[in-house]
Amino acid sequence: MLTVYGIKQCDTCRKALKWLEAQGIDHRFHDFRVDGLSADLLQNWLGSPYAGKVVNRRSTTWRQLSDEQRQLEGAELVELLLERPTLIKRPVFTRDEIVAIGFKPAELAEL
């Protein structure tokens, strides 16, 4: 089953969820803020081929970080993402591992 990670109030997440329902694709939604995230999960994401896409460097939250925080890697970056989940690009689609980040209907249709 496809798991969609995001935030309920995120417009892109809402569009993705509506699209999945319209396509009849079974999925489960995991809200970062309500359901939380684990350090192990984030570490796996940051070690995946999608690592470069996990952090949303266009977000308002990113722009508010210090230069030092923007340079964090490894366990320190995981801690920052746990503190500020809005830094994670949304939505994240997984099936045991990441299969897509961001909502692109054509990319999801291929899955």
Protein backbone atom coordinates (compact mmCIF):
# COMPACT_ATOMS: atom_id res chain seq x y z
CA MET A 1 0.00 0.00 0.00
CA LEU A 2 1.10 3.53 -0.75
CA THR A 3 1.73 5.78 2.24
CA VAL A 4 1.53 9.52 1.73
CA TYR A 5 3.47 11.62 4.24
CA GLY A 6 2.62 15.28 4.58
CA ILE A 7 0.65 17.88 6.48
CA LYS A 8 -3.13 18.01 6.39
CA GLN A 9 -3.18 21.79 5.77
CA CYS A 10 -0.76 21.58 2.81
CA ASP A 11 -2.51 22.41 -0.47
CA THR A 12 -0.22 20.12 -2.48
CA CYS A 13 -0.93 17.21 -0.12
CA ARG A 14 -4.68 17.79 -0.42
CA LYS A 15 -4.43 17.83 -4.24
CA ALA A 16 -2.40 14.61 -4.19
CA LEU A 17 -4.88 12.86 -1.90
CA LYS A 18 -7.84 13.91 -4.07
CA TRP A 19 -6.01 12.67 -7.16
CA LEU A 20 -5.22 9.30 -5.54
CA GLU A 21 -8.87 8.87 -4.54
CA ALA A 22 -10.07 9.79 -8.04
CA GLN A 23 -7.68 7.20 -9.50
CA GLY A 24 -8.87 4.54 -7.03
CA ILE A 25 -5.37 4.05 -5.61
CA ASP A 26 -5.29 2.57 -2.10
CA HIS A 27 -3.28 4.76 0.20
CA ARG A 28 -2.80 5.83 3.77
CA PHE A 29 -2.10 9.42 4.87
CA HIS A 30 0.50 10.07 7.58
CA ASP A 31 0.43 13.62 8.96
CA PHE A 32 3.88 14.73 10.16
CA ARG A 33 2.40 16.93 12.85
CA VAL A 34 -0.25 14.53 14.16
CA ASP A 35 1.38 11.13 13.66
CA GLY A 36 4.98 12.29 14.05
CA LEU A 37 8.14 11.03 12.40
CA SER A 38 10.98 8.87 13.66
CA ALA A 39 14.68 9.62 13.39
CA ASP A 40 15.20 6.21 11.76
CA LEU A 41 12.64 6.96 9.03
CA LEU A 42 14.22 10.33 8.26
CA GLN A 43 17.69 8.78 8.24
CA ASN A 44 16.46 6.23 5.68
CA TRP A 45 14.98 8.99 3.53
CA LEU A 46 18.23 10.95 3.67
CA GLY A 47 20.14 7.82 2.64
CA SER A 48 17.87 7.12 -0.33
CA PRO A 49 18.27 8.17 -3.97
CA TYR A 50 15.73 10.92 -3.15
CA ALA A 51 17.95 12.47 -0.44
CA GLY A 52 18.45 15.67 -2.43
CA LYS A 53 14.71 16.25 -2.59
CA VAL A 54 13.80 15.58 1.05
CA VAL A 55 14.58 19.09 2.30
CA ASN A 56 12.44 21.82 0.78
CA ARG A 57 14.94 24.59 0.15
CA ARG A 58 12.23 26.88 -1.23
CA SER A 59 10.11 26.95 1.91
CA THR A 60 9.58 29.89 4.21
CA THR A 61 10.94 27.77 7.05
CA TRP A 62 14.19 27.19 5.10
CA ARG A 63 14.64 30.92 4.49
CA GLN A 64 14.30 31.55 8.23
CA LEU A 65 17.19 29.21 9.11
CA SER A 66 20.65 30.48 9.92
CA ASP A 67 23.50 29.75 7.52
CA GLU A 68 24.85 27.29 10.08
CA GLN A 69 21.54 25.39 10.19
CA ARG A 70 21.42 25.21 6.39
CA GLN A 71 24.77 23.37 6.41
CA LEU A 72 23.68 20.59 8.79
CA GLU A 73 24.06 16.96 7.71
CA GLY A 74 23.51 13.50 9.15
CA ALA A 75 22.07 13.19 12.65
CA GLU A 76 22.00 16.97 13.13
CA LEU A 77 19.88 17.41 9.99
CA VAL A 78 17.55 14.65 11.18
CA GLU A 79 17.11 16.50 14.50
CA LEU A 80 16.33 19.73 12.65
CA LEU A 81 13.74 17.97 10.49
CA LEU A 82 12.14 16.43 13.58
CA GLU A 83 11.92 19.89 15.16
CA ARG A 84 10.66 21.55 11.99
CA PRO A 85 8.82 19.02 9.80
CA THR A 86 7.70 21.81 7.46
CA LEU A 87 11.25 21.67 6.05
CA ILE A 88 10.36 18.34 4.42
CA LYS A 89 9.17 18.61 0.82
CA ARG A 90 5.63 17.37 0.60
CA PRO A 91 4.09 15.01 -0.08
CA VAL A 92 6.42 12.04 0.28
CA PHE A 93 5.10 8.81 -1.27
CA THR A 94 6.43 5.49 0.02
CA ARG A 95 6.02 1.76 -0.45
CA ASP A 96 8.56 0.43 2.05
CA GLU A 97 10.90 3.09 0.58
CA ILE A 98 10.42 6.44 -1.13
CA VAL A 99 8.90 6.19 -4.59
CA ALA A 100 8.25 9.92 -5.19
CA ILE A 101 8.53 13.32 -3.54
CA GLY A 102 6.25 16.17 -4.57
CA PHE A 103 2.98 15.83 -6.44
CA LYS A 104 3.38 15.11 -10.13
CA PRO A 105 0.38 13.15 -11.48
CA ALA A 106 2.31 11.76 -14.48
CA GLU A 107 5.05 10.39 -12.20
CA LEU A 108 2.49 8.79 -9.87
CA ALA A 109 0.53 7.29 -12.75
CA GLU A 110 3.66 5.33 -13.73
CA LEU A 111 3.76 3.74 -10.29
